[in-house]
Amino acid sequence: MAEFLFLYRGADAVTAALSPKEMQDYMQRFQNWIVSLTKTGKLMSCGPLEKGGKTLVGPNGLVTDGPLAETKDLIGGYSVVSAKDLDEATELARNCPSLAIGGTVEIRAVLDVK
């Protein structure tokens, strides 16, 4: 088995416009999806990310406030899943609730450097 990183992008603008009930329903669908990945032993870790942070740039490590990306590019959260290959990881991501509201899931293999 290999590990794959899911990066969740672009749903923040949509969820900000949801009513409290719609937001509750969306979060329940997301939580149910995470629980299903956990029960099948596929989820290694996950979590939402703070909006702010710092970015280091260049050889001198210039520090800037950030990330400063367009709203559609901001990463709202991540998951690390276990899958046999990229195809299986893609199938696992296909049920992510943020896709239904216009978000994206970037899937990246985590290199084994051992």
N, C-alpha and C. Protein backbone atom coordinates (compact mmCIF):
# COMPACT_ATOMS: atom_id res chain seq x y z
N MET A 1 0.84 -1.19 0.00
CA MET A 1 0.00 0.00 0.00
C MET A 1 0.88 1.24 0.00
N ALA A 2 0.39 2.28 -0.62
CA ALA A 2 1.08 3.56 -0.67
C ALA A 2 0.21 4.61 0.01
N GLU A 3 0.80 5.75 0.31
CA GLU A 3 0.04 6.86 0.89
C GLU A 3 -0.16 7.94 -0.17
N PHE A 4 -1.34 8.56 -0.11
CA PHE A 4 -1.69 9.63 -1.03
C PHE A 4 -2.25 10.80 -0.23
N LEU A 5 -1.86 11.99 -0.64
CA LEU A 5 -2.31 13.22 -0.01
C LEU A 5 -3.45 13.80 -0.82
N PHE A 6 -4.57 14.08 -0.16
CA PHE A 6 -5.67 14.79 -0.78
C PHE A 6 -5.61 16.24 -0.29
N LEU A 7 -5.57 17.20 -1.20
CA LEU A 7 -5.62 18.61 -0.85
C LEU A 7 -6.95 19.16 -1.33
N TYR A 8 -7.70 19.75 -0.41
CA TYR A 8 -9.04 20.24 -0.72
C TYR A 8 -8.98 21.73 -1.03
N ARG A 9 -9.41 22.10 -2.23
CA ARG A 9 -9.34 23.49 -2.68
C ARG A 9 -10.71 23.98 -3.17
N GLY A 10 -10.92 25.29 -3.02
CA GLY A 10 -12.00 25.97 -3.71
C GLY A 10 -13.38 25.88 -3.13
N ALA A 11 -13.58 25.22 -2.02
CA ALA A 11 -14.93 25.12 -1.46
C ALA A 11 -15.24 26.25 -0.48
N ASP A 12 -14.22 26.95 0.00
CA ASP A 12 -14.44 27.97 1.03
C ASP A 12 -15.40 29.07 0.59
N ALA A 13 -15.28 29.53 -0.65
CA ALA A 13 -16.17 30.60 -1.12
C ALA A 13 -17.62 30.14 -1.15
N VAL A 14 -17.83 28.89 -1.52
CA VAL A 14 -19.19 28.36 -1.58
C VAL A 14 -19.74 28.13 -0.19
N THR A 15 -18.95 27.52 0.70
CA THR A 15 -19.46 27.23 2.04
C THR A 15 -19.73 28.52 2.82
N ALA A 16 -19.00 29.59 2.52
CA ALA A 16 -19.24 30.87 3.20
C ALA A 16 -20.63 31.42 2.89
N ALA A 17 -21.19 31.04 1.75
CA ALA A 17 -22.51 31.54 1.36
C ALA A 17 -23.65 30.61 1.78
N LEU A 18 -23.33 29.48 2.39
CA LEU A 18 -24.37 28.54 2.80
C LEU A 18 -25.11 29.03 4.04
N SER A 19 -26.38 28.69 4.11
CA SER A 19 -27.14 28.99 5.33
C SER A 19 -26.61 28.09 6.44
N PRO A 20 -26.90 28.41 7.70
CA PRO A 20 -26.45 27.54 8.79
C PRO A 20 -26.91 26.08 8.61
N LYS A 21 -28.13 25.87 8.16
CA LYS A 21 -28.64 24.52 7.95
C LYS A 21 -27.89 23.82 6.81
N GLU A 22 -27.68 24.55 5.71
CA GLU A 22 -26.94 23.98 4.58
C GLU A 22 -25.50 23.64 4.99
N MET A 23 -24.90 24.50 5.78
CA MET A 23 -23.54 24.25 6.25
C MET A 23 -23.49 23.03 7.15
N GLN A 24 -24.48 22.91 8.03
CA GLN A 24 -24.55 21.75 8.91
C GLN A 24 -24.70 20.46 8.09
N ASP A 25 -25.55 20.50 7.08
CA ASP A 25 -25.74 19.33 6.22
C ASP A 25 -24.46 18.98 5.46
N TYR A 26 -23.78 20.00 4.93
CA TYR A 26 -22.53 19.78 4.21
C TYR A 26 -21.48 19.17 5.14
N MET A 27 -21.32 19.75 6.32
CA MET A 27 -20.32 19.23 7.26
C MET A 27 -20.65 17.80 7.69
N GLN A 28 -21.93 17.48 7.80
CA GLN A 28 -22.33 16.11 8.16
C GLN A 28 -21.96 15.14 7.04
N ARG A 29 -22.18 15.53 5.78
CA ARG A 29 -21.79 14.69 4.65
C ARG A 29 -20.27 14.49 4.61
N PHE A 30 -19.52 15.57 4.88
CA PHE A 30 -18.07 15.48 4.88
C PHE A 30 -17.60 14.56 6.00
N GLN A 31 -18.18 14.74 7.19
CA GLN A 31 -17.82 13.89 8.33
C GLN A 31 -18.16 12.42 8.05
N ASN A 32 -19.31 12.17 7.45
CA ASN A 32 -19.69 10.79 7.11
C ASN A 32 -18.70 10.16 6.14
N TRP A 33 -18.23 10.96 5.17
CA TRP A 33 -17.25 10.46 4.20
C TRP A 33 -15.93 10.12 4.91
N ILE A 34 -15.49 11.00 5.80
CA ILE A 34 -14.26 10.76 6.56
C ILE A 34 -14.40 9.51 7.43
N VAL A 35 -15.55 9.35 8.07
CA VAL A 35 -15.80 8.16 8.90
C VAL A 35 -15.76 6.90 8.04
N SER A 36 -16.32 6.96 6.83
CA SER A 36 -16.31 5.78 5.96
C SER A 36 -14.87 5.42 5.56
N LEU A 37 -14.02 6.42 5.30
CA LEU A 37 -12.62 6.14 4.99
C LEU A 37 -11.91 5.54 6.21
N THR A 38 -12.26 6.02 7.39
CA THR A 38 -11.67 5.50 8.63
C THR A 38 -12.06 4.05 8.86
N LYS A 39 -13.35 3.75 8.70
CA LYS A 39 -13.84 2.39 8.94
C LYS A 39 -13.24 1.36 7.99
N THR A 40 -12.90 1.80 6.78
CA THR A 40 -12.30 0.88 5.82
C THR A 40 -10.78 0.81 5.97
N GLY A 41 -10.23 1.54 6.93
CA GLY A 41 -8.80 1.53 7.17
C GLY A 41 -7.99 2.32 6.16
N LYS A 42 -8.63 3.17 5.39
CA LYS A 42 -7.96 3.94 4.35
C LYS A 42 -7.41 5.28 4.84
N LEU A 43 -8.02 5.87 5.87
CA LEU A 43 -7.63 7.19 6.32
C LEU A 43 -6.48 7.10 7.31
N MET A 44 -5.40 7.81 7.01
CA MET A 44 -4.23 7.84 7.90
C MET A 44 -4.28 9.08 8.80
N SER A 45 -4.63 10.24 8.23
CA SER A 45 -4.78 11.48 9.00
C SER A 45 -5.56 12.48 8.14
N CYS A 46 -6.09 13.51 8.80
CA CYS A 46 -6.81 14.55 8.06
C CYS A 46 -7.04 15.74 8.96
N GLY A 47 -7.39 16.86 8.34
CA GLY A 47 -7.74 18.02 9.13
C GLY A 47 -7.94 19.26 8.28
N PRO A 48 -8.64 20.23 8.86
CA PRO A 48 -8.79 21.52 8.19
C PRO A 48 -7.53 22.34 8.43
N LEU A 49 -7.33 23.36 7.61
CA LEU A 49 -6.17 24.23 7.77
C LEU A 49 -6.63 25.64 8.11
N GLU A 50 -5.84 26.34 8.94
CA GLU A 50 -6.09 27.73 9.26
C GLU A 50 -5.99 28.56 7.98
N LYS A 51 -6.65 29.69 7.94
CA LYS A 51 -6.61 30.55 6.76
C LYS A 51 -5.24 31.23 6.60
N GLY A 52 -4.64 31.66 7.69
CA GLY A 52 -3.38 32.39 7.62
C GLY A 52 -2.18 31.48 7.76
N GLY A 53 -1.01 32.06 7.75
CA GLY A 53 0.22 31.33 7.91
C GLY A 53 1.38 32.17 7.45
N LYS A 54 2.49 31.55 7.22
CA LYS A 54 3.69 32.22 6.72
C LYS A 54 4.21 31.45 5.52
N THR A 55 4.88 32.16 4.64
CA THR A 55 5.51 31.55 3.48
C THR A 55 6.98 31.96 3.48
N LEU A 56 7.87 30.98 3.32
CA LEU A 56 9.29 31.26 3.18
C LEU A 56 9.64 31.17 1.71
N VAL A 57 10.40 32.16 1.23
CA VAL A 57 10.73 32.23 -0.19
C VAL A 57 12.23 32.46 -0.37
N GLY A 58 12.81 31.70 -1.29
CA GLY A 58 14.18 31.95 -1.71
C GLY A 58 15.24 31.44 -0.76
N PRO A 59 16.51 31.59 -1.18
CA PRO A 59 17.63 31.04 -0.41
C PRO A 59 17.82 31.71 0.94
N ASN A 60 17.35 32.94 1.10
CA ASN A 60 17.48 33.63 2.39
C ASN A 60 16.26 33.43 3.27
N GLY A 61 15.28 32.71 2.76
CA GLY A 61 14.08 32.42 3.55
C GLY A 61 13.26 33.65 3.88
N LEU A 62 13.07 34.54 2.89
CA LEU A 62 12.24 35.72 3.10
C LEU A 62 10.87 35.28 3.59
N VAL A 63 10.44 35.84 4.70
CA VAL A 63 9.17 35.46 5.31
C VAL A 63 8.10 36.45 4.90
N THR A 64 6.99 35.92 4.38
CA THR A 64 5.83 36.75 4.05
C THR A 64 4.61 36.16 4.71
N ASP A 65 3.60 37.01 4.92
CA ASP A 65 2.33 36.49 5.39
C ASP A 65 1.69 35.75 4.24
N GLY A 66 0.99 34.70 4.53
CA GLY A 66 0.38 33.96 3.44
C GLY A 66 -0.30 32.73 3.98
N PRO A 67 -0.75 31.90 3.16
CA PRO A 67 -0.61 31.92 1.71
C PRO A 67 -1.47 33.01 1.09
N LEU A 68 -0.96 33.62 0.05
CA LEU A 68 -1.69 34.67 -0.65
C LEU A 68 -2.04 34.16 -2.05
N ALA A 69 -3.09 33.39 -2.11
CA ALA A 69 -3.53 32.82 -3.39
C ALA A 69 -4.96 33.25 -3.64
N GLU A 70 -5.39 33.07 -4.86
CA GLU A 70 -6.80 33.32 -5.16
C GLU A 70 -7.65 32.37 -4.32
N THR A 71 -8.84 32.81 -3.98
CA THR A 71 -9.72 32.00 -3.14
C THR A 71 -9.90 30.60 -3.68
N LYS A 72 -10.02 30.47 -5.00
CA LYS A 72 -10.24 29.14 -5.58
C LYS A 72 -9.02 28.23 -5.42
N ASP A 73 -7.84 28.82 -5.13
CA ASP A 73 -6.62 28.04 -4.99
C ASP A 73 -6.25 27.74 -3.55
N LEU A 74 -6.93 28.38 -2.59
CA LEU A 74 -6.59 28.16 -1.20
C LEU A 74 -6.90 26.73 -0.78
N ILE A 75 -5.97 26.15 -0.05
CA ILE A 75 -6.15 24.79 0.46
C ILE A 75 -6.87 24.89 1.79
N GLY A 76 -8.06 24.29 1.87
CA GLY A 76 -8.85 24.35 3.08
C GLY A 76 -8.59 23.22 4.05
N GLY A 77 -8.04 22.12 3.54
CA GLY A 77 -7.78 20.98 4.40
C GLY A 77 -7.06 19.90 3.62
N TYR A 78 -6.79 18.81 4.31
CA TYR A 78 -6.04 17.71 3.70
C TYR A 78 -6.46 16.38 4.32
N SER A 79 -6.16 15.32 3.63
CA SER A 79 -6.26 13.96 4.18
C SER A 79 -5.09 13.18 3.61
N VAL A 80 -4.62 12.22 4.37
CA VAL A 80 -3.65 11.25 3.88
C VAL A 80 -4.36 9.90 3.92
N VAL A 81 -4.41 9.24 2.78
CA VAL A 81 -5.09 7.95 2.69
C VAL A 81 -4.11 6.88 2.22
N SER A 82 -4.46 5.65 2.51
CA SER A 82 -3.70 4.50 2.06
C SER A 82 -4.46 3.85 0.91
N ALA A 83 -3.75 3.60 -0.19
CA ALA A 83 -4.38 2.98 -1.36
C ALA A 83 -3.32 2.19 -2.11
N LYS A 84 -3.77 1.22 -2.90
CA LYS A 84 -2.79 0.40 -3.62
C LYS A 84 -2.11 1.16 -4.75
N ASP A 85 -2.82 2.16 -5.32
CA ASP A 85 -2.25 2.93 -6.43
C ASP A 85 -3.06 4.21 -6.62
N LEU A 86 -2.62 5.02 -7.57
CA LEU A 86 -3.28 6.30 -7.84
C LEU A 86 -4.74 6.11 -8.27
N ASP A 87 -5.02 5.05 -9.01
CA ASP A 87 -6.40 4.81 -9.43
C ASP A 87 -7.31 4.57 -8.24
N GLU A 88 -6.86 3.77 -7.27
CA GLU A 88 -7.69 3.53 -6.09
C GLU A 88 -7.84 4.81 -5.28
N ALA A 89 -6.77 5.58 -5.14
CA ALA A 89 -6.86 6.85 -4.41
C ALA A 89 -7.86 7.79 -5.09
N THR A 90 -7.85 7.80 -6.42
CA THR A 90 -8.79 8.65 -7.17
C THR A 90 -10.22 8.21 -6.90
N GLU A 91 -10.46 6.93 -6.86
CA GLU A 91 -11.82 6.43 -6.57
C GLU A 91 -12.25 6.82 -5.16
N LEU A 92 -11.32 6.77 -4.20
CA LEU A 92 -11.64 7.17 -2.83
C LEU A 92 -12.02 8.66 -2.79
N ALA A 93 -11.30 9.49 -3.54
CA ALA A 93 -11.56 10.93 -3.55
C ALA A 93 -12.85 11.28 -4.28
N ARG A 94 -13.29 10.42 -5.17
CA ARG A 94 -14.47 10.71 -6.00
C ARG A 94 -15.71 11.00 -5.15
N ASN A 95 -15.79 10.46 -3.94
CA ASN A 95 -16.96 10.66 -3.08
C ASN A 95 -16.84 11.86 -2.15
N CYS A 96 -15.78 12.65 -2.29
CA CYS A 96 -15.59 13.82 -1.42
C CYS A 96 -16.74 14.82 -1.63
N PRO A 97 -17.43 15.21 -0.56
CA PRO A 97 -18.56 16.13 -0.69
C PRO A 97 -18.21 17.50 -1.24
N SER A 98 -16.97 17.94 -1.12
CA SER A 98 -16.64 19.28 -1.65
C SER A 98 -16.72 19.31 -3.18
N LEU A 99 -16.60 18.17 -3.83
CA LEU A 99 -16.73 18.13 -5.29
C LEU A 99 -18.13 18.55 -5.72
N ALA A 100 -19.13 18.18 -4.93
CA ALA A 100 -20.52 18.48 -5.27
C ALA A 100 -20.84 19.97 -5.20
N ILE A 101 -19.99 20.74 -4.50
CA ILE A 101 -20.25 22.18 -4.39
C ILE A 101 -19.21 23.00 -5.15
N GLY A 102 -18.47 22.35 -6.04
CA GLY A 102 -17.52 23.07 -6.89
C GLY A 102 -16.09 23.07 -6.43
N GLY A 103 -15.79 22.36 -5.35
CA GLY A 103 -14.42 22.27 -4.87
C GLY A 103 -13.62 21.28 -5.70
N THR A 104 -12.33 21.23 -5.45
CA THR A 104 -11.46 20.27 -6.12
C THR A 104 -10.69 19.47 -5.08
N VAL A 105 -10.29 18.28 -5.48
CA VAL A 105 -9.41 17.45 -4.66
C VAL A 105 -8.17 17.16 -5.49
N GLU A 106 -7.04 17.66 -5.03
CA GLU A 106 -5.77 17.34 -5.67
C GLU A 106 -5.23 16.09 -5.00
N ILE A 107 -4.82 15.12 -5.79
CA ILE A 107 -4.34 13.84 -5.26
C ILE A 107 -2.87 13.71 -5.61
N ARG A 108 -2.04 13.54 -4.58
CA ARG A 108 -0.60 13.44 -4.78
C ARG A 108 -0.07 12.22 -4.04
N ALA A 109 0.75 11.43 -4.71
CA ALA A 109 1.41 10.31 -4.06
C ALA A 109 2.45 10.84 -3.10
N VAL A 110 2.53 10.24 -1.93
CA VAL A 110 3.57 10.57 -0.97
C VAL A 110 4.74 9.62 -1.25
N LEU A 111 5.89 10.19 -1.58
CA LEU A 111 7.04 9.36 -1.90
C LEU A 111 7.57 8.64 -0.67
N ASP A 112 7.89 7.38 -0.83
CA ASP A 112 8.50 6.59 0.24
C ASP A 112 10.01 6.80 0.14
N VAL A 113 10.59 7.52 1.08
CA VAL A 113 12.01 7.82 1.03
C VAL A 113 12.84 6.96 1.97
N LYS A 114 12.27 5.91 2.45
CA LYS A 114 12.99 5.00 3.36
C LYS A 114 13.99 4.17 2.61
